[in-house]
Amino acid sequence: MKLWNLKTGQENRTLTGHSNKVNSVSFSPDGNTLVSGSNGGSIKIWRCDG
């Protein structure tokens, strides 16, 4: 899964861990945490700060 900077069009980071397609994502209100869910039923919590 890749995170992109929408202003610059540059890739910020690649997050690896899901073995199936990611079908949902949600950022925390402060933007420092991302939760993703995949078609395989796994849920991942990512730290996105720093």
C-alpha atoms as a PDB file:
ATOM      1  CA  MET A   1       0.000   0.000   0.000  1.00  0.00           C
ATOM      2  CA  LYS A   2       1.405   3.388  -0.934  1.00  0.00           C
ATOM      3  CA  LEU A   3       0.816   6.758   0.696  1.00  0.00           C
ATOM      4  CA  TRP A   4       0.927   9.733  -1.667  1.00  0.00           C
ATOM      5  CA  ASN A   5       1.293  13.462  -1.088  1.00  0.00           C
ATOM      6  CA  LEU A   6      -1.683  14.846  -3.001  1.00  0.00           C
ATOM      7  CA  LYS A   7      -0.162  18.322  -3.286  1.00  0.00           C
ATOM      8  CA  THR A   8       3.120  17.183  -4.881  1.00  0.00           C
ATOM      9  CA  GLY A   9       2.101  13.864  -6.429  1.00  0.00           C
ATOM     10  CA  GLN A  10       5.111  12.249  -4.754  1.00  0.00           C
ATOM     11  CA  GLU A  11       5.020   8.926  -2.968  1.00  0.00           C
ATOM     12  CA  ASN A  12       5.561   9.449   0.771  1.00  0.00           C
ATOM     13  CA  ARG A  13       5.895   5.854   1.938  1.00  0.00           C
ATOM     14  CA  THR A  14       5.160   2.233   1.070  1.00  0.00           C
ATOM     15  CA  LEU A  15       3.485   0.178   3.781  1.00  0.00           C
ATOM     16  CA  THR A  16       3.834  -3.594   3.484  1.00  0.00           C
ATOM     17  CA  GLY A  17       1.984  -6.184   5.502  1.00  0.00           C
ATOM     18  CA  HIS A  18      -1.304  -7.094   3.836  1.00  0.00           C
ATOM     19  CA  SER A  19      -1.274 -10.206   1.654  1.00  0.00           C
ATOM     20  CA  ASN A  20      -4.589  -9.310  -0.057  1.00  0.00           C
ATOM     21  CA  LYS A  21      -5.951  -6.149  -1.663  1.00  0.00           C
ATOM     22  CA  VAL A  22      -6.582  -3.278   0.747  1.00  0.00           C
ATOM     23  CA  ASN A  23     -10.222  -2.217   0.519  1.00  0.00           C
ATOM     24  CA  SER A  24     -10.557   0.324   3.328  1.00  0.00           C
ATOM     25  CA  VAL A  25      -8.404   2.920   5.084  1.00  0.00           C
ATOM     26  CA  SER A  26      -9.026   5.536   7.733  1.00  0.00           C
ATOM     27  CA  PHE A  27      -6.738   8.159   9.288  1.00  0.00           C
ATOM     28  CA  SER A  28      -6.982   9.275  12.899  1.00  0.00           C
ATOM     29  CA  PRO A  29      -8.047  12.912  13.397  1.00  0.00           C
ATOM     30  CA  ASP A  30      -4.441  13.964  14.095  1.00  0.00           C
ATOM     31  CA  GLY A  31      -3.193  12.173  10.945  1.00  0.00           C
ATOM     32  CA  ASN A  32      -0.590  10.150  12.847  1.00  0.00           C
ATOM     33  CA  THR A  33      -2.294   6.750  12.678  1.00  0.00           C
ATOM     34  CA  LEU A  34      -3.761   4.860   9.738  1.00  0.00           C
ATOM     35  CA  VAL A  35      -5.965   1.769   9.956  1.00  0.00           C
ATOM     36  CA  SER A  36      -6.328  -0.440   6.883  1.00  0.00           C
ATOM     37  CA  GLY A  37      -8.442  -3.500   6.143  1.00  0.00           C
ATOM     38  CA  SER A  38      -7.922  -6.074   3.416  1.00  0.00           C
ATOM     39  CA  ASN A  39     -10.077  -8.488   1.424  1.00  0.00           C
ATOM     40  CA  GLY A  40      -8.425 -11.297   3.389  1.00  0.00           C
ATOM     41  CA  GLY A  41      -9.972 -10.006   6.622  1.00  0.00           C
ATOM     42  CA  SER A  42      -6.814  -8.585   8.187  1.00  0.00           C
ATOM     43  CA  ILE A  43      -6.688  -5.185   9.867  1.00  0.00           C
ATOM     44  CA  LYS A  44      -3.430  -3.258  10.298  1.00  0.00           C
ATOM     45  CA  ILE A  45      -2.666  -0.199  12.402  1.00  0.00           C
ATOM     46  CA  TRP A  46       0.164   2.009  11.121  1.00  0.00           C
ATOM     47  CA  ARG A  47       2.064   4.890  12.728  1.00  0.00           C
ATOM     48  CA  CYS A  48       2.418   7.610  10.087  1.00  0.00           C
ATOM     49  CA  ASP A  49       4.166  10.386  12.000  1.00  0.00           C
ATOM     50  CA  GLY A  50       7.828  11.161  11.538  1.00  0.00           C
END
